[in-house]
Amino acid sequence: MFEKILKIIEKYSFNKDLVKNAKPESKIIADLNINSTRIVDIILDVEEEFNIEVEDTMLEKLITVGDLQKYVESKIS
């Protein structure tokens, strides 16, 4: 699952190497050089990939790649 999420994030990254070296504690915006306006695109792709719905209230809580992974896991289990 972590790799699938990174693959989605990588599409929106200006620095692919940062994403390839990402860890669960990597901050999506700050550490992976993702433009904050692209977060919505990432979430839409995650929703499609995992067939889930991410509530708008969760957007500000999904800071790290691990946060996003845990959230997706909670929605599909």
PDB file of N, CA and C in Angstrom:
ATOM      1  N   MET A   1       0.824  -1.192   0.000  1.00  0.00           N
ATOM      2  CA  MET A   1       0.000   0.000   0.000  1.00  0.00           C
ATOM      3  C   MET A   1       0.872   1.260   0.000  1.00  0.00           C
ATOM      4  N   PHE A   2       1.932   1.260   0.796  1.00  0.00           N
ATOM      5  CA  PHE A   2       2.826   2.415   0.867  1.00  0.00           C
ATOM      6  C   PHE A   2       3.358   2.754  -0.526  1.00  0.00           C
ATOM      7  N   GLU A   3       3.773   1.730  -1.263  1.00  0.00           N
ATOM      8  CA  GLU A   3       4.324   1.940  -2.604  1.00  0.00           C
ATOM      9  C   GLU A   3       3.270   2.501  -3.562  1.00  0.00           C
ATOM     10  N   LYS A   4       2.043   2.018  -3.448  1.00  0.00           N
ATOM     11  CA  LYS A   4       0.964   2.538  -4.301  1.00  0.00           C
ATOM     12  C   LYS A   4       0.715   4.015  -4.024  1.00  0.00           C
ATOM     13  N   ILE A   5       0.744   4.384  -2.761  1.00  0.00           N
ATOM     14  CA  ILE A   5       0.535   5.784  -2.385  1.00  0.00           C
ATOM     15  C   ILE A   5       1.682   6.638  -2.907  1.00  0.00           C
ATOM     16  N   LEU A   6       2.903   6.150  -2.778  1.00  0.00           N
ATOM     17  CA  LEU A   6       4.056   6.903  -3.294  1.00  0.00           C
ATOM     18  C   LEU A   6       3.975   7.075  -4.808  1.00  0.00           C
ATOM     19  N   LYS A   7       3.496   6.064  -5.484  1.00  0.00           N
ATOM     20  CA  LYS A   7       3.368   6.156  -6.946  1.00  0.00           C
ATOM     21  C   LYS A   7       2.386   7.265  -7.322  1.00  0.00           C
ATOM     22  N   ILE A   8       1.306   7.385  -6.575  1.00  0.00           N
ATOM     23  CA  ILE A   8       0.338   8.465  -6.807  1.00  0.00           C
ATOM     24  C   ILE A   8       0.986   9.810  -6.531  1.00  0.00           C
ATOM     25  N   ILE A   9       1.658   9.927  -5.407  1.00  0.00           N
ATOM     26  CA  ILE A   9       2.293  11.195  -5.027  1.00  0.00           C
ATOM     27  C   ILE A   9       3.353  11.594  -6.050  1.00  0.00           C
ATOM     28  N   GLU A  10       4.081  10.619  -6.543  1.00  0.00           N
ATOM     29  CA  GLU A  10       5.172  10.898  -7.480  1.00  0.00           C
ATOM     30  C   GLU A  10       4.684  11.632  -8.730  1.00  0.00           C
ATOM     31  N   LYS A  11       3.469  11.347  -9.167  1.00  0.00           N
ATOM     32  CA  LYS A  11       2.936  12.019 -10.352  1.00  0.00           C
ATOM     33  C   LYS A  11       2.866  13.533 -10.182  1.00  0.00           C
ATOM     34  N   TYR A  12       2.764  13.983  -8.949  1.00  0.00           N
ATOM     35  CA  TYR A  12       2.566  15.403  -8.671  1.00  0.00           C
ATOM     36  C   TYR A  12       3.798  16.078  -8.066  1.00  0.00           C
ATOM     37  N   SER A  13       4.897  15.355  -8.016  1.00  0.00           N
ATOM     38  CA  SER A  13       6.114  15.876  -7.407  1.00  0.00           C
ATOM     39  C   SER A  13       7.023  16.540  -8.441  1.00  0.00           C
ATOM     40  N   PHE A  14       7.668  17.620  -8.022  1.00  0.00           N
ATOM     41  CA  PHE A  14       8.646  18.280  -8.869  1.00  0.00           C
ATOM     42  C   PHE A  14      10.021  17.621  -8.734  1.00  0.00           C
ATOM     43  N   ASN A  15      10.185  16.805  -7.683  1.00  0.00           N
ATOM     44  CA  ASN A  15      11.459  16.140  -7.438  1.00  0.00           C
ATOM     45  C   ASN A  15      11.185  14.659  -7.156  1.00  0.00           C
ATOM     46  N   LYS A  16      11.268  13.851  -8.191  1.00  0.00           N
ATOM     47  CA  LYS A  16      10.939  12.421  -8.089  1.00  0.00           C
ATOM     48  C   LYS A  16      11.859  11.682  -7.106  1.00  0.00           C
ATOM     49  N   ASP A  17      13.106  12.131  -6.974  1.00  0.00           N
ATOM     50  CA  ASP A  17      14.040  11.472  -6.061  1.00  0.00           C
ATOM     51  C   ASP A  17      13.577  11.594  -4.609  1.00  0.00           C
ATOM     52  N   LEU A  18      12.994  12.728  -4.259  1.00  0.00           N
ATOM     53  CA  LEU A  18      12.482  12.893  -2.899  1.00  0.00           C
ATOM     54  C   LEU A  18      11.408  11.853  -2.601  1.00  0.00           C
ATOM     55  N   VAL A  19      10.547  11.610  -3.562  1.00  0.00           N
ATOM     56  CA  VAL A  19       9.463  10.637  -3.371  1.00  0.00           C
ATOM     57  C   VAL A  19      10.026   9.222  -3.302  1.00  0.00           C
ATOM     58  N   LYS A  20      10.987   8.920  -4.145  1.00  0.00           N
ATOM     59  CA  LYS A  20      11.580   7.572  -4.144  1.00  0.00           C
ATOM     60  C   LYS A  20      12.260   7.251  -2.819  1.00  0.00           C
ATOM     61  N   ASN A  21      12.751   8.266  -2.118  1.00  0.00           N
ATOM     62  CA  ASN A  21      13.419   8.065  -0.835  1.00  0.00           C
ATOM     63  C   ASN A  21      12.514   8.352   0.359  1.00  0.00           C
ATOM     64  N   ALA A  22      11.224   8.508   0.101  1.00  0.00           N
ATOM     65  CA  ALA A  22      10.276   8.859   1.164  1.00  0.00           C
ATOM     66  C   ALA A  22      10.116   7.726   2.169  1.00  0.00           C
ATOM     67  N   LYS A  23       9.822   8.135   3.385  1.00  0.00           N
ATOM     68  CA  LYS A  23       9.532   7.218   4.486  1.00  0.00           C
ATOM     69  C   LYS A  23       8.127   7.550   4.999  1.00  0.00           C
ATOM     70  N   PRO A  24       7.553   6.693   5.830  1.00  0.00           N
ATOM     71  CA  PRO A  24       6.215   6.998   6.349  1.00  0.00           C
ATOM     72  C   PRO A  24       6.133   8.349   7.065  1.00  0.00           C
ATOM     73  N   GLU A  25       7.228   8.779   7.684  1.00  0.00           N
ATOM     74  CA  GLU A  25       7.193  10.052   8.415  1.00  0.00           C
ATOM     75  C   GLU A  25       7.468  11.268   7.527  1.00  0.00           C
ATOM     76  N   SER A  26       7.685  11.040   6.228  1.00  0.00           N
ATOM     77  CA  SER A  26       7.922  12.148   5.299  1.00  0.00           C
ATOM     78  C   SER A  26       6.653  12.986   5.144  1.00  0.00           C
ATOM     79  N   LYS A  27       6.810  14.286   5.308  1.00  0.00           N
ATOM     80  CA  LYS A  27       5.681  15.196   5.154  1.00  0.00           C
ATOM     81  C   LYS A  27       5.429  15.414   3.662  1.00  0.00           C
ATOM     82  N   ILE A  28       4.185  15.246   3.268  1.00  0.00           N
ATOM     83  CA  ILE A  28       3.841  15.280   1.850  1.00  0.00           C
ATOM     84  C   ILE A  28       4.214  16.622   1.218  1.00  0.00           C
ATOM     85  N   ILE A  29       3.856  17.716   1.837  1.00  0.00           N
ATOM     86  CA  ILE A  29       4.141  19.028   1.258  1.00  0.00           C
ATOM     87  C   ILE A  29       5.575  19.455   1.538  1.00  0.00           C
ATOM     88  N   ALA A  30       5.973  19.462   2.778  1.00  0.00           N
ATOM     89  CA  ALA A  30       7.272  20.016   3.174  1.00  0.00           C
ATOM     90  C   ALA A  30       8.458  19.168   2.713  1.00  0.00           C
ATOM     91  N   ASP A  31       8.370  17.857   2.890  1.00  0.00           N
ATOM     92  CA  ASP A  31       9.522  17.003   2.592  1.00  0.00           C
ATOM     93  C   ASP A  31       9.568  16.504   1.145  1.00  0.00           C
ATOM     94  N   LEU A  32       8.401  16.355   0.530  1.00  0.00           N
ATOM     95  CA  LEU A  32       8.359  15.771  -0.813  1.00  0.00           C
ATOM     96  C   LEU A  32       8.184  16.813  -1.915  1.00  0.00           C
ATOM     97  N   ASN A  33       8.206  18.082  -1.519  1.00  0.00           N
ATOM     98  CA  ASN A  33       8.143  19.180  -2.486  1.00  0.00           C
ATOM     99  C   ASN A  33       6.876  19.126  -3.347  1.00  0.00           C
ATOM    100  N   ILE A  34       5.756  18.863  -2.686  1.00  0.00           N
ATOM    101  CA  ILE A  34       4.465  18.833  -3.367  1.00  0.00           C
ATOM    102  C   ILE A  34       3.788  20.178  -3.170  1.00  0.00           C
ATOM    103  N   ASN A  35       3.311  20.748  -4.247  1.00  0.00           N
ATOM    104  CA  ASN A  35       2.567  21.998  -4.187  1.00  0.00           C
ATOM    105  C   ASN A  35       1.253  21.738  -3.444  1.00  0.00           C
ATOM    106  N   SER A  36       0.918  22.588  -2.498  1.00  0.00           N
ATOM    107  CA  SER A  36      -0.267  22.364  -1.665  1.00  0.00           C
ATOM    108  C   SER A  36      -1.554  22.269  -2.494  1.00  0.00           C
ATOM    109  N   THR A  37      -1.583  22.896  -3.649  1.00  0.00           N
ATOM    110  CA  THR A  37      -2.788  22.803  -4.480  1.00  0.00           C
ATOM    111  C   THR A  37      -2.931  21.424  -5.116  1.00  0.00           C
ATOM    112  N   ARG A  38      -1.861  20.660  -5.150  1.00  0.00           N
ATOM    113  CA  ARG A  38      -1.903  19.305  -5.734  1.00  0.00           C
ATOM    114  C   ARG A  38      -2.420  18.256  -4.759  1.00  0.00           C
ATOM    115  N   ILE A  39      -2.560  18.619  -3.496  1.00  0.00           N
ATOM    116  CA  ILE A  39      -3.062  17.663  -2.500  1.00  0.00           C
ATOM    117  C   ILE A  39      -4.433  17.127  -2.902  1.00  0.00           C
ATOM    118  N   VAL A  40      -5.281  18.002  -3.410  1.00  0.00           N
ATOM    119  CA  VAL A  40      -6.619  17.571  -3.831  1.00  0.00           C
ATOM    120  C   VAL A  40      -6.504  16.529  -4.944  1.00  0.00           C
ATOM    121  N   ASP A  41      -5.599  16.741  -5.890  1.00  0.00           N
ATOM    122  CA  ASP A  41      -5.395  15.768  -6.965  1.00  0.00           C
ATOM    123  C   ASP A  41      -4.917  14.430  -6.411  1.00  0.00           C
ATOM    124  N   ILE A  42      -4.007  14.491  -5.458  1.00  0.00           N
ATOM    125  CA  ILE A  42      -3.506  13.267  -4.831  1.00  0.00           C
ATOM    126  C   ILE A  42      -4.639  12.523  -4.141  1.00  0.00           C
ATOM    127  N   ILE A  43      -5.445  13.255  -3.387  1.00  0.00           N
ATOM    128  CA  ILE A  43      -6.565  12.630  -2.667  1.00  0.00           C
ATOM    129  C   ILE A  43      -7.562  12.021  -3.652  1.00  0.00           C
ATOM    130  N   LEU A  44      -7.865  12.725  -4.731  1.00  0.00           N
ATOM    131  CA  LEU A  44      -8.782  12.173  -5.739  1.00  0.00           C
ATOM    132  C   LEU A  44      -8.229  10.881  -6.333  1.00  0.00           C
ATOM    133  N   ASP A  45      -6.937  10.847  -6.610  1.00  0.00           N
ATOM    134  CA  ASP A  45      -6.320   9.626  -7.131  1.00  0.00           C
ATOM    135  C   ASP A  45      -6.333   8.503  -6.102  1.00  0.00           C
ATOM    136  N   VAL A  46      -6.098   8.838  -4.839  1.00  0.00           N
ATOM    137  CA  VAL A  46      -6.145   7.835  -3.768  1.00  0.00           C
ATOM    138  C   VAL A  46      -7.564   7.277  -3.649  1.00  0.00           C
ATOM    139  N   GLU A  47      -8.544   8.144  -3.711  1.00  0.00           N
ATOM    140  CA  GLU A  47      -9.942   7.690  -3.636  1.00  0.00           C
ATOM    141  C   GLU A  47     -10.251   6.716  -4.768  1.00  0.00           C
ATOM    142  N   GLU A  48      -9.800   7.051  -5.951  1.00  0.00           N
ATOM    143  CA  GLU A  48     -10.052   6.187  -7.110  1.00  0.00           C
ATOM    144  C   GLU A  48      -9.289   4.868  -7.003  1.00  0.00           C
ATOM    145  N   GLU A  49      -8.027   4.942  -6.633  1.00  0.00           N
ATOM    146  CA  GLU A  49      -7.191   3.745  -6.547  1.00  0.00           C
ATOM    147  C   GLU A  49      -7.715   2.737  -5.514  1.00  0.00           C
ATOM    148  N   PHE A  50      -8.154   3.253  -4.366  1.00  0.00           N
ATOM    149  CA  PHE A  50      -8.551   2.370  -3.272  1.00  0.00           C
ATOM    150  C   PHE A  50     -10.069   2.289  -3.084  1.00  0.00           C
ATOM    151  N   ASN A  51     -10.816   2.949  -3.971  1.00  0.00           N
ATOM    152  CA  ASN A  51     -12.277   2.920  -3.927  1.00  0.00           C
ATOM    153  C   ASN A  51     -12.815   3.330  -2.549  1.00  0.00           C
ATOM    154  N   ILE A  52     -12.325   4.481  -2.087  1.00  0.00           N
ATOM    155  CA  ILE A  52     -12.753   5.033  -0.800  1.00  0.00           C
ATOM    156  C   ILE A  52     -13.143   6.490  -0.988  1.00  0.00           C
ATOM    157  N   GLU A  53     -13.695   7.085   0.048  1.00  0.00           N
ATOM    158  CA  GLU A  53     -13.975   8.513   0.051  1.00  0.00           C
ATOM    159  C   GLU A  53     -13.247   9.142   1.231  1.00  0.00           C
ATOM    160  N   VAL A  54     -12.489  10.179   0.950  1.00  0.00           N
ATOM    161  CA  VAL A  54     -11.761  10.904   1.987  1.00  0.00           C
ATOM    162  C   VAL A  54     -12.575  12.140   2.346  1.00  0.00           C
ATOM    163  N   GLU A  55     -12.961  12.224   3.603  1.00  0.00           N
ATOM    164  CA  GLU A  55     -13.752  13.361   4.055  1.00  0.00           C
ATOM    165  C   GLU A  55     -12.918  14.637   3.998  1.00  0.00           C
ATOM    166  N   ASP A  56     -13.558  15.744   3.636  1.00  0.00           N
ATOM    167  CA  ASP A  56     -12.866  17.034   3.539  1.00  0.00           C
ATOM    168  C   ASP A  56     -12.184  17.409   4.850  1.00  0.00           C
ATOM    169  N   THR A  57     -12.774  17.030   5.966  1.00  0.00           N
ATOM    170  CA  THR A  57     -12.211  17.381   7.266  1.00  0.00           C
ATOM    171  C   THR A  57     -10.876  16.675   7.521  1.00  0.00           C
ATOM    172  N   MET A  58     -10.606  15.620   6.776  1.00  0.00           N
ATOM    173  CA  MET A  58      -9.369  14.859   6.958  1.00  0.00           C
ATOM    174  C   MET A  58      -8.189  15.485   6.232  1.00  0.00           C
ATOM    175  N   LEU A  59      -8.449  16.321   5.249  1.00  0.00           N
ATOM    176  CA  LEU A  59      -7.362  16.860   4.427  1.00  0.00           C
ATOM    177  C   LEU A  59      -6.274  17.530   5.250  1.00  0.00           C
ATOM    178  N   GLU A  60      -6.652  18.297   6.247  1.00  0.00           N
ATOM    179  CA  GLU A  60      -5.653  18.996   7.056  1.00  0.00           C
ATOM    180  C   GLU A  60      -4.949  18.083   8.051  1.00  0.00           C
ATOM    181  N   LYS A  61      -5.459  16.875   8.235  1.00  0.00           N
ATOM    182  CA  LYS A  61      -4.860  15.937   9.184  1.00  0.00           C
ATOM    183  C   LYS A  61      -3.903  14.950   8.513  1.00  0.00           C
ATOM    184  N   LEU A  62      -3.937  14.883   7.203  1.00  0.00           N
ATOM    185  CA  LEU A  62      -3.088  13.952   6.465  1.00  0.00           C
ATOM    186  C   LEU A  62      -1.795  14.666   6.084  1.00  0.00           C
ATOM    187  N   ILE A  63      -0.879  14.715   7.025  1.00  0.00           N
ATOM    188  CA  ILE A  63       0.362  15.477   6.869  1.00  0.00           C
ATOM    189  C   ILE A  63       1.485  14.637   6.257  1.00  0.00           C
ATOM    190  N   THR A  64       1.629  13.424   6.746  1.00  0.00           N
ATOM    191  CA  THR A  64       2.721  12.565   6.279  1.00  0.00           C
ATOM    192  C   THR A  64       2.194  11.459   5.364  1.00  0.00           C
ATOM    193  N   VAL A  65       3.118  10.808   4.683  1.00  0.00           N
ATOM    194  CA  VAL A  65       2.742   9.668   3.857  1.00  0.00           C
ATOM    195  C   VAL A  65       2.143   8.580   4.747  1.00  0.00           C
ATOM    196  N   GLY A  66       2.705   8.401   5.933  1.00  0.00           N
ATOM    197  CA  GLY A  66       2.185   7.413   6.883  1.00  0.00           C
ATOM    198  C   GLY A  66       0.771   7.746   7.342  1.00  0.00           C
ATOM    199  N   ASP A  67       0.484   9.029   7.536  1.00  0.00           N
ATOM    200  CA  ASP A  67      -0.881   9.435   7.904  1.00  0.00           C
ATOM    201  C   ASP A  67      -1.861   8.994   6.816  1.00  0.00           C
ATOM    202  N   LEU A  68      -1.489   9.250   5.585  1.00  0.00           N
ATOM    203  CA  LEU A  68      -2.352   8.892   4.461  1.00  0.00           C
ATOM    204  C   LEU A  68      -2.505   7.379   4.369  1.00  0.00           C
ATOM    205  N   GLN A  69      -1.415   6.661   4.546  1.00  0.00           N
ATOM    206  CA  GLN A  69      -1.470   5.202   4.499  1.00  0.00           C
ATOM    207  C   GLN A  69      -2.377   4.650   5.591  1.00  0.00           C
ATOM    208  N   LYS A  70      -2.215   5.121   6.816  1.00  0.00           N
ATOM    209  CA  LYS A  70      -3.050   4.644   7.929  1.00  0.00           C
ATOM    210  C   LYS A  70      -4.519   4.950   7.680  1.00  0.00           C
ATOM    211  N   TYR A  71      -4.785   6.121   7.143  1.00  0.00           N
ATOM    212  CA  TYR A  71      -6.172   6.501   6.869  1.00  0.00           C
ATOM    213  C   TYR A  71      -6.782   5.564   5.815  1.00  0.00           C
ATOM    214  N   VAL A  72      -6.057   5.326   4.729  1.00  0.00           N
ATOM    215  CA  VAL A  72      -6.552   4.431   3.683  1.00  0.00           C
ATOM    216  C   VAL A  72      -6.784   3.046   4.266  1.00  0.00           C
ATOM    217  N   GLU A  73      -5.838   2.548   5.037  1.00  0.00           N
ATOM    218  CA  GLU A  73      -5.993   1.221   5.649  1.00  0.00           C
ATOM    219  C   GLU A  73      -7.224   1.154   6.536  1.00  0.00           C
ATOM    220  N   SER A  74      -7.504   2.230   7.260  1.00  0.00           N
ATOM    221  CA  SER A  74      -8.688   2.233   8.134  1.00  0.00           C
ATOM    222  C   SER A  74      -9.991   2.227   7.339  1.00  0.00           C
ATOM    223  N   LYS A  75      -9.952   2.795   6.145  1.00  0.00           N
ATOM    224  CA  LYS A  75     -11.150   2.855   5.318  1.00  0.00           C
ATOM    225  C   LYS A  75     -11.422   1.551   4.564  1.00  0.00           C
ATOM    226  N   ILE A  76     -10.381   0.788   4.275  1.00  0.00           N
ATOM    227  CA  ILE A  76     -10.596  -0.419   3.490  1.00  0.00           C
ATOM    228  C   ILE A  76     -10.668  -1.696   4.346  1.00  0.00           C
ATOM    229  N   SER A  77     -10.397  -1.562   5.625  1.00  0.00           N
ATOM    230  CA  SER A  77     -10.456  -2.769   6.463  1.00  0.00           C
ATOM    231  C   SER A  77     -11.773  -2.881   7.194  1.00  0.00           C
TER     232      SER A  77
END
